[in-house]
């Protein structure tokens, strides 16, 4: 025979909640209310921090830096995007580095100078 704690119910014992009459349950549920405390002073709303993740769209700069077809950064000028692209390309020559011009829809593939 298994030991039975006082908090557990056995198969032969009826559920104590179901033993109460249904009218008593309904009246007890209706009488419970939850009231929220009203603040005395008006709370100042803080700006919601920006969530970083997959759903965040990339920056809206015209020139985007793509590494292996993934957007990594956005730049306002082509020169800044090209400088960042060449830095990545010299450090990692095997990856594909592209500067995408969103306004004109052009891709500029970055290549190292052959020696």
N, C-alpha and C. Protein backbone atom coordinates (compact mmCIF):
# COMPACT_ATOMS: atom_id res chain seq x y z
N UNK A 1 0.84 -1.18 0.00
CA UNK A 1 0.00 0.00 0.00
C UNK A 1 0.89 1.24 0.00
N UNK A 2 0.61 2.19 -0.88
CA UNK A 2 1.41 3.39 -1.01
C UNK A 2 1.00 4.41 0.05
N UNK A 3 1.99 5.16 0.52
CA UNK A 3 1.75 6.20 1.52
C UNK A 3 1.08 7.40 0.84
N UNK A 4 0.12 7.95 1.51
CA UNK A 4 -0.63 9.05 0.93
C UNK A 4 -0.44 10.30 1.79
N UNK A 5 0.04 11.39 1.15
CA UNK A 5 0.19 12.65 1.87
C UNK A 5 -1.18 13.27 2.08
N UNK A 6 -1.21 14.21 3.01
CA UNK A 6 -2.49 14.86 3.29
C UNK A 6 -2.93 15.78 2.14
N UNK A 7 -1.98 16.21 1.31
CA UNK A 7 -2.31 17.12 0.22
C UNK A 7 -2.71 16.40 -1.06
N UNK A 8 -2.41 15.14 -1.18
CA UNK A 8 -2.74 14.41 -2.40
C UNK A 8 -4.05 13.69 -2.20
N UNK A 9 -4.73 13.48 -3.29
CA UNK A 9 -6.01 12.78 -3.25
C UNK A 9 -5.83 11.37 -3.77
N UNK A 10 -6.48 10.46 -3.18
CA UNK A 10 -6.46 9.09 -3.67
C UNK A 10 -7.56 8.90 -4.70
N UNK A 11 -7.56 7.76 -5.34
CA UNK A 11 -8.57 7.50 -6.35
C UNK A 11 -9.95 7.35 -5.75
N UNK A 12 -10.02 6.86 -4.53
CA UNK A 12 -11.31 6.62 -3.90
C UNK A 12 -11.91 7.87 -3.28
N UNK A 13 -11.11 8.94 -3.10
CA UNK A 13 -11.62 10.14 -2.45
C UNK A 13 -12.24 11.09 -3.48
N UNK A 14 -13.38 11.64 -3.15
CA UNK A 14 -13.99 12.61 -4.08
C UNK A 14 -13.24 13.94 -4.02
N UNK A 15 -13.37 14.71 -5.06
CA UNK A 15 -12.74 16.02 -5.15
C UNK A 15 -13.45 16.96 -4.20
N UNK A 16 -12.74 17.60 -3.23
CA UNK A 16 -13.43 18.45 -2.25
C UNK A 16 -14.10 19.67 -2.87
N UNK A 17 -13.61 20.16 -3.99
CA UNK A 17 -14.23 21.34 -4.62
C UNK A 17 -15.58 20.97 -5.21
N UNK A 18 -15.70 19.75 -5.75
CA UNK A 18 -16.95 19.34 -6.38
C UNK A 18 -18.04 19.00 -5.37
N UNK A 19 -17.67 18.82 -4.10
CA UNK A 19 -18.66 18.49 -3.08
C UNK A 19 -19.53 19.68 -2.73
N UNK A 20 -19.04 20.93 -2.92
CA UNK A 20 -19.81 22.11 -2.59
C UNK A 20 -20.94 22.27 -3.61
N UNK A 21 -22.04 22.84 -3.18
CA UNK A 21 -23.14 23.07 -4.12
C UNK A 21 -22.72 24.09 -5.18
N UNK A 22 -23.29 23.97 -6.37
CA UNK A 22 -22.94 24.83 -7.49
C UNK A 22 -23.33 26.28 -7.21
N UNK A 23 -24.41 26.51 -6.48
CA UNK A 23 -24.84 27.88 -6.21
C UNK A 23 -23.84 28.58 -5.30
N UNK A 24 -23.25 27.85 -4.38
CA UNK A 24 -22.26 28.43 -3.48
C UNK A 24 -21.01 28.85 -4.26
N UNK A 25 -20.61 28.04 -5.23
CA UNK A 25 -19.44 28.37 -6.04
C UNK A 25 -19.69 29.63 -6.86
N UNK A 26 -20.88 29.76 -7.46
CA UNK A 26 -21.19 30.93 -8.27
C UNK A 26 -21.24 32.20 -7.43
N UNK A 27 -21.83 32.13 -6.26
CA UNK A 27 -21.92 33.33 -5.42
C UNK A 27 -20.53 33.72 -4.90
N UNK A 28 -19.71 32.76 -4.62
CA UNK A 28 -18.37 33.06 -4.13
C UNK A 28 -17.52 33.69 -5.23
N UNK A 29 -17.66 33.24 -6.46
CA UNK A 29 -16.89 33.79 -7.57
C UNK A 29 -17.32 35.22 -7.89
N UNK A 30 -18.61 35.51 -7.79
CA UNK A 30 -19.11 36.83 -8.10
C UNK A 30 -18.67 37.86 -7.08
N UNK A 31 -18.47 37.45 -5.84
CA UNK A 31 -18.17 38.40 -4.79
C UNK A 31 -16.71 38.85 -4.80
N UNK A 32 -15.83 38.13 -5.47
CA UNK A 32 -14.42 38.49 -5.47
C UNK A 32 -14.16 39.55 -6.53
N UNK A 33 -13.53 40.63 -6.10
CA UNK A 33 -13.12 41.67 -7.03
C UNK A 33 -11.67 42.01 -6.77
N UNK A 34 -11.01 42.45 -7.79
CA UNK A 34 -9.62 42.85 -7.67
C UNK A 34 -9.56 44.34 -7.95
N UNK A 35 -9.03 45.07 -7.01
CA UNK A 35 -8.90 46.52 -7.22
C UNK A 35 -7.42 46.85 -7.30
N UNK A 36 -7.09 47.69 -8.26
CA UNK A 36 -5.71 48.12 -8.44
C UNK A 36 -5.52 49.44 -7.72
N UNK A 37 -4.39 49.58 -7.10
CA UNK A 37 -4.09 50.82 -6.39
C UNK A 37 -3.86 51.93 -7.40
N UNK A 38 -4.51 53.05 -7.19
CA UNK A 38 -4.37 54.19 -8.08
C UNK A 38 -3.20 55.04 -7.61
N UNK A 39 -2.26 55.33 -8.51
CA UNK A 39 -1.12 56.16 -8.10
C UNK A 39 -1.58 57.60 -7.88
N UNK A 40 -0.98 58.24 -6.86
CA UNK A 40 -1.34 59.62 -6.55
C UNK A 40 -0.80 60.58 -7.60
N UNK A 41 0.45 60.35 -8.02
CA UNK A 41 1.07 61.23 -9.00
C UNK A 41 1.02 60.57 -10.37
N UNK A 42 1.01 61.39 -11.40
CA UNK A 42 0.99 60.88 -12.76
C UNK A 42 2.38 60.31 -13.07
N UNK A 43 2.44 59.08 -13.51
CA UNK A 43 3.71 58.44 -13.80
C UNK A 43 4.27 58.96 -15.12
N UNK A 44 5.56 59.22 -15.15
CA UNK A 44 6.22 59.67 -16.36
C UNK A 44 6.59 58.43 -17.16
N UNK A 45 6.16 58.41 -18.40
CA UNK A 45 6.44 57.24 -19.24
C UNK A 45 7.88 57.29 -19.73
N UNK A 46 8.59 56.20 -19.52
CA UNK A 46 9.96 56.10 -20.00
C UNK A 46 9.93 55.56 -21.41
N UNK A 47 10.88 55.98 -22.25
CA UNK A 47 10.90 55.44 -23.61
C UNK A 47 11.22 53.95 -23.58
N UNK A 48 10.53 53.24 -24.43
CA UNK A 48 10.73 51.79 -24.51
C UNK A 48 12.06 51.53 -25.20
N UNK A 49 12.93 50.71 -24.59
CA UNK A 49 14.21 50.43 -25.26
C UNK A 49 13.99 49.65 -26.54
N UNK A 50 14.81 49.93 -27.52
CA UNK A 50 14.68 49.27 -28.82
C UNK A 50 15.14 47.82 -28.69
N UNK A 51 14.33 46.91 -29.13
CA UNK A 51 14.69 45.50 -29.06
C UNK A 51 15.56 45.15 -30.25
N UNK A 52 16.69 44.57 -29.96
CA UNK A 52 17.57 44.14 -31.03
C UNK A 52 17.34 42.66 -31.27
N UNK A 53 17.18 42.30 -32.48
CA UNK A 53 16.93 40.91 -32.79
C UNK A 53 16.69 40.74 -34.27
N UNK A 54 16.15 39.63 -34.62
CA UNK A 54 15.94 39.33 -36.02
C UNK A 54 14.86 40.18 -36.66
N UNK A 55 13.94 40.66 -35.88
CA UNK A 55 12.83 41.41 -36.45
C UNK A 55 13.18 42.87 -36.72
N UNK A 56 14.27 43.34 -36.16
CA UNK A 56 14.65 44.74 -36.37
C UNK A 56 15.19 44.90 -37.78
N UNK A 57 14.68 45.89 -38.48
CA UNK A 57 15.14 46.16 -39.83
C UNK A 57 16.49 46.84 -39.77
N UNK A 58 17.32 46.63 -40.79
CA UNK A 58 18.62 47.29 -40.80
C UNK A 58 18.45 48.81 -40.93
N UNK A 59 19.54 49.51 -40.66
CA UNK A 59 19.49 50.97 -40.74
C UNK A 59 19.05 51.39 -42.14
N UNK A 60 18.62 52.61 -42.25
CA UNK A 60 18.05 53.07 -43.50
C UNK A 60 19.03 53.89 -44.34
N UNK A 61 20.33 53.74 -44.10
CA UNK A 61 21.31 54.45 -44.92
C UNK A 61 21.26 53.94 -46.36
N UNK A 62 21.73 54.77 -47.26
CA UNK A 62 21.66 54.42 -48.68
C UNK A 62 22.58 53.27 -49.04
N UNK A 63 23.76 53.20 -48.43
CA UNK A 63 24.75 52.17 -48.78
C UNK A 63 24.82 51.14 -47.68
N UNK A 64 24.58 49.89 -48.05
CA UNK A 64 24.56 48.80 -47.08
C UNK A 64 25.73 47.87 -47.32
N UNK A 65 26.33 47.44 -46.23
CA UNK A 65 27.46 46.51 -46.29
C UNK A 65 26.93 45.09 -46.13
N UNK A 66 27.16 44.27 -47.15
CA UNK A 66 26.70 42.88 -47.12
C UNK A 66 27.91 41.97 -47.06
N UNK A 67 27.92 41.08 -46.08
CA UNK A 67 28.97 40.08 -45.94
C UNK A 67 28.31 38.72 -46.08
N UNK A 68 28.69 38.00 -47.11
CA UNK A 68 28.07 36.71 -47.43
C UNK A 68 26.55 36.84 -47.50
N UNK A 69 26.08 37.86 -48.18
CA UNK A 69 24.68 38.16 -48.44
C UNK A 69 23.88 38.48 -47.18
N UNK A 70 24.54 38.88 -46.11
CA UNK A 70 23.86 39.29 -44.89
C UNK A 70 24.19 40.74 -44.61
N UNK A 71 23.19 41.56 -44.36
CA UNK A 71 23.41 42.97 -44.09
C UNK A 71 24.04 43.13 -42.72
N UNK A 72 25.19 43.81 -42.71
CA UNK A 72 25.92 44.01 -41.45
C UNK A 72 25.86 45.45 -40.97
N UNK A 73 25.86 46.42 -41.88
CA UNK A 73 25.85 47.82 -41.47
C UNK A 73 25.27 48.66 -42.60
N UNK A 74 25.02 49.92 -42.27
CA UNK A 74 24.47 50.86 -43.25
C UNK A 74 25.25 52.16 -43.13
N UNK A 75 25.52 52.81 -44.26
CA UNK A 75 26.33 54.02 -44.28
C UNK A 75 25.64 55.07 -45.14
N UNK A 76 25.89 56.33 -44.81
CA UNK A 76 25.31 57.43 -45.57
C UNK A 76 26.11 57.69 -46.85
N UNK A 77 27.44 57.44 -46.83
CA UNK A 77 28.27 57.70 -48.01
C UNK A 77 28.90 56.42 -48.52
N UNK A 78 29.18 56.42 -49.82
CA UNK A 78 29.81 55.25 -50.43
C UNK A 78 31.23 55.06 -49.91
N UNK A 79 31.95 56.15 -49.69
CA UNK A 79 33.34 56.06 -49.24
C UNK A 79 33.45 55.37 -47.88
N UNK A 80 32.55 55.69 -46.96
CA UNK A 80 32.55 55.06 -45.63
C UNK A 80 32.22 53.57 -45.75
N UNK A 81 31.27 53.24 -46.61
CA UNK A 81 30.90 51.83 -46.80
C UNK A 81 32.04 51.07 -47.46
N UNK A 82 32.71 51.69 -48.43
CA UNK A 82 33.82 51.03 -49.11
C UNK A 82 35.00 50.81 -48.16
N UNK A 83 35.28 51.77 -47.30
CA UNK A 83 36.37 51.63 -46.33
C UNK A 83 36.10 50.46 -45.37
N UNK A 84 34.88 50.36 -44.87
CA UNK A 84 34.51 49.25 -43.97
C UNK A 84 34.56 47.92 -44.71
N UNK A 85 34.13 47.91 -45.97
CA UNK A 85 34.13 46.68 -46.76
C UNK A 85 35.56 46.20 -47.01
N UNK A 86 36.46 47.12 -47.32
CA UNK A 86 37.85 46.72 -47.58
C UNK A 86 38.56 46.26 -46.31
N UNK A 87 38.19 46.82 -45.18
CA UNK A 87 38.74 46.36 -43.91
C UNK A 87 38.35 44.91 -43.65
N UNK A 88 37.10 44.59 -43.91
CA UNK A 88 36.64 43.21 -43.73
C UNK A 88 37.28 42.29 -44.76
N UNK A 89 37.36 42.74 -45.99
CA UNK A 89 37.89 41.90 -47.08
C UNK A 89 39.38 41.61 -46.87
N UNK A 90 40.18 42.57 -46.38
CA UNK A 90 41.60 42.30 -46.14
C UNK A 90 41.78 41.36 -44.97
N UNK A 91 40.92 41.44 -43.97
CA UNK A 91 41.02 40.54 -42.82
C UNK A 91 40.51 39.14 -43.12
N UNK A 92 39.53 39.05 -44.00
CA UNK A 92 38.91 37.76 -44.34
C UNK A 92 38.71 37.70 -45.85
N UNK A 93 39.75 37.34 -46.60
CA UNK A 93 39.66 37.41 -48.07
C UNK A 93 38.70 36.39 -48.69
N UNK A 94 38.32 35.37 -47.96
CA UNK A 94 37.49 34.32 -48.55
C UNK A 94 36.01 34.69 -48.61
N UNK A 95 35.57 35.60 -47.74
CA UNK A 95 34.14 35.94 -47.69
C UNK A 95 33.77 36.90 -48.82
N UNK A 96 32.51 36.88 -49.19
CA UNK A 96 32.00 37.79 -50.20
C UNK A 96 31.58 39.09 -49.52
N UNK A 97 32.17 40.21 -49.95
CA UNK A 97 31.85 41.51 -49.37
C UNK A 97 31.32 42.39 -50.49
N UNK A 98 30.12 42.95 -50.28
CA UNK A 98 29.44 43.75 -51.29
C UNK A 98 28.92 45.02 -50.65
N UNK A 99 29.03 46.13 -51.37
CA UNK A 99 28.38 47.37 -50.96
C UNK A 99 27.17 47.54 -51.88
N UNK A 100 25.99 47.59 -51.27
CA UNK A 100 24.74 47.70 -52.02
C UNK A 100 24.22 49.13 -51.95
N UNK A 101 23.96 49.71 -53.09
CA UNK A 101 23.39 51.05 -53.17
C UNK A 101 21.86 50.89 -53.27
N UNK A 102 21.17 51.18 -52.18
CA UNK A 102 19.72 50.96 -52.12
C UNK A 102 18.96 51.92 -53.02
N UNK A 103 19.47 53.11 -53.22
CA UNK A 103 18.76 54.10 -54.04
C UNK A 103 18.80 53.71 -55.51
N UNK A 104 19.98 53.31 -56.01
CA UNK A 104 20.12 52.96 -57.43
C UNK A 104 19.95 51.46 -57.68
N UNK A 105 19.94 50.64 -56.63
CA UNK A 105 19.78 49.20 -56.79
C UNK A 105 21.01 48.53 -57.39
N UNK A 106 22.20 49.04 -57.08
CA UNK A 106 23.43 48.49 -57.64
C UNK A 106 24.26 47.81 -56.56
N UNK A 107 24.91 46.71 -56.95
CA UNK A 107 25.85 46.01 -56.08
C UNK A 107 27.27 46.32 -56.54
N UNK A 108 28.16 46.61 -55.59
CA UNK A 108 29.57 46.84 -55.88
C UNK A 108 30.35 45.78 -55.11
N UNK A 109 30.85 44.78 -55.82
CA UNK A 109 31.58 43.68 -55.20
C UNK A 109 33.00 44.14 -54.89
N UNK A 110 33.44 43.92 -53.66
CA UNK A 110 34.79 44.31 -53.24
C UNK A 110 35.75 43.16 -53.52
N UNK A 111 36.85 43.48 -54.19
CA UNK A 111 37.88 42.49 -54.52
C UNK A 111 39.22 43.03 -54.08
N UNK A 112 40.10 42.17 -53.66
CA UNK A 112 41.46 42.58 -53.31
C UNK A 112 42.28 42.72 -54.58
N UNK A 113 43.25 43.62 -54.56
CA UNK A 113 44.14 43.80 -55.71
C UNK A 113 45.03 42.59 -55.84
N UNK A 114 45.14 42.03 -57.04
CA UNK A 114 45.97 40.84 -57.27
C UNK A 114 47.43 41.27 -57.37
N UNK A 115 48.32 40.50 -56.74
CA UNK A 115 49.74 40.83 -56.75
C UNK A 115 50.45 40.12 -57.86
